[in-house]
Amino acid sequence: MLNRNQVMQNSELSTSQDKKFYKKNRVNINILLNRVRADKKKEKFETFVIISLVSLSVLATGLIVSL
């Protein structure tokens, strides 16, 4: 049989474990927003590179054909 002190210690342990569990499940919205912004920036850069390569190839083809 548990005495009062043991019961209190057990309940304190379970509450401290619960607090650790809940802290791990928190999500920082700022980190997520920064990740989304970085992804959008990367997509814009990739789009710019693709458009540049396509326009360069069209320009080069036009110069070759005109000569």
Protein backbone atom coordinates (compact mmCIF):
# COMPACT_ATOMS: atom_id res chain seq x y z
CA MET A 1 0.00 0.00 0.00
CA LEU A 2 1.29 3.45 -0.89
CA ASN A 3 1.45 6.18 1.66
CA ARG A 4 0.56 9.79 0.95
CA ASN A 5 4.13 10.88 0.10
CA GLN A 6 4.60 8.11 -2.43
CA VAL A 7 1.30 8.96 -4.11
CA MET A 8 2.30 12.63 -4.32
CA GLN A 9 5.71 11.75 -5.77
CA ASN A 10 4.13 9.46 -8.34
CA SER A 11 1.64 12.13 -9.38
CA GLU A 12 4.44 14.73 -9.62
CA LEU A 13 6.44 12.41 -11.84
CA SER A 14 3.52 11.80 -14.14
CA THR A 15 2.76 15.53 -14.39
CA SER A 16 6.37 16.38 -15.17
CA GLN A 17 6.40 13.67 -17.83
CA ASP A 18 3.13 15.02 -19.24
CA LYS A 19 4.59 18.52 -19.42
CA LYS A 20 7.62 17.22 -21.33
CA PHE A 21 5.30 15.36 -23.68
CA TYR A 22 3.19 18.44 -24.39
CA LYS A 23 6.22 20.68 -24.90
CA LYS A 24 7.53 18.36 -27.59
CA ASN A 25 4.26 18.57 -29.51
CA ARG A 26 4.22 22.36 -29.74
CA VAL A 27 4.73 23.85 -33.16
CA ASN A 28 6.38 27.21 -33.64
CA ILE A 29 4.40 28.98 -36.37
CA ASN A 30 7.30 31.33 -37.14
CA ILE A 31 9.54 28.42 -38.10
CA LEU A 32 6.86 27.05 -40.39
CA LEU A 33 6.25 30.44 -42.01
CA ASN A 34 9.97 30.95 -42.58
CA ARG A 35 10.19 27.52 -44.19
CA VAL A 36 7.29 28.35 -46.53
CA ARG A 37 8.88 31.69 -47.45
CA ALA A 38 12.20 30.01 -48.18
CA ASP A 39 10.46 27.40 -50.36
CA LYS A 40 8.64 30.13 -52.33
CA LYS A 41 11.88 32.04 -52.82
CA LYS A 42 13.58 28.89 -54.08
CA GLU A 43 10.69 28.20 -56.49
CA LYS A 44 10.88 31.75 -57.87
CA PHE A 45 14.62 31.39 -58.45
CA GLU A 46 14.16 28.05 -60.20
CA THR A 47 11.42 29.53 -62.40
CA PHE A 48 13.68 32.46 -63.28
CA VAL A 49 16.51 30.10 -64.24
CA ILE A 50 14.24 27.98 -66.44
CA ILE A 51 12.78 31.02 -68.21
CA SER A 52 16.27 32.41 -68.73
CA LEU A 53 17.51 29.16 -70.25
CA VAL A 54 14.51 28.89 -72.57
CA SER A 55 14.83 32.48 -73.76
CA LEU A 56 18.59 32.05 -74.25
CA SER A 57 18.03 28.94 -76.35
CA VAL A 58 15.38 30.74 -78.47
CA LEU A 59 17.75 33.68 -78.94
CA ALA A 60 20.65 31.42 -79.89
CA THR A 61 18.47 29.48 -82.33
CA GLY A 62 17.29 32.75 -83.91
CA LEU A 63 20.86 33.98 -84.32
CA ILE A 64 22.00 30.70 -85.87
CA VAL A 65 19.05 30.63 -88.31
CA SER A 66 19.52 34.28 -89.34
CA LEU A 67 23.17 33.76 -90.28
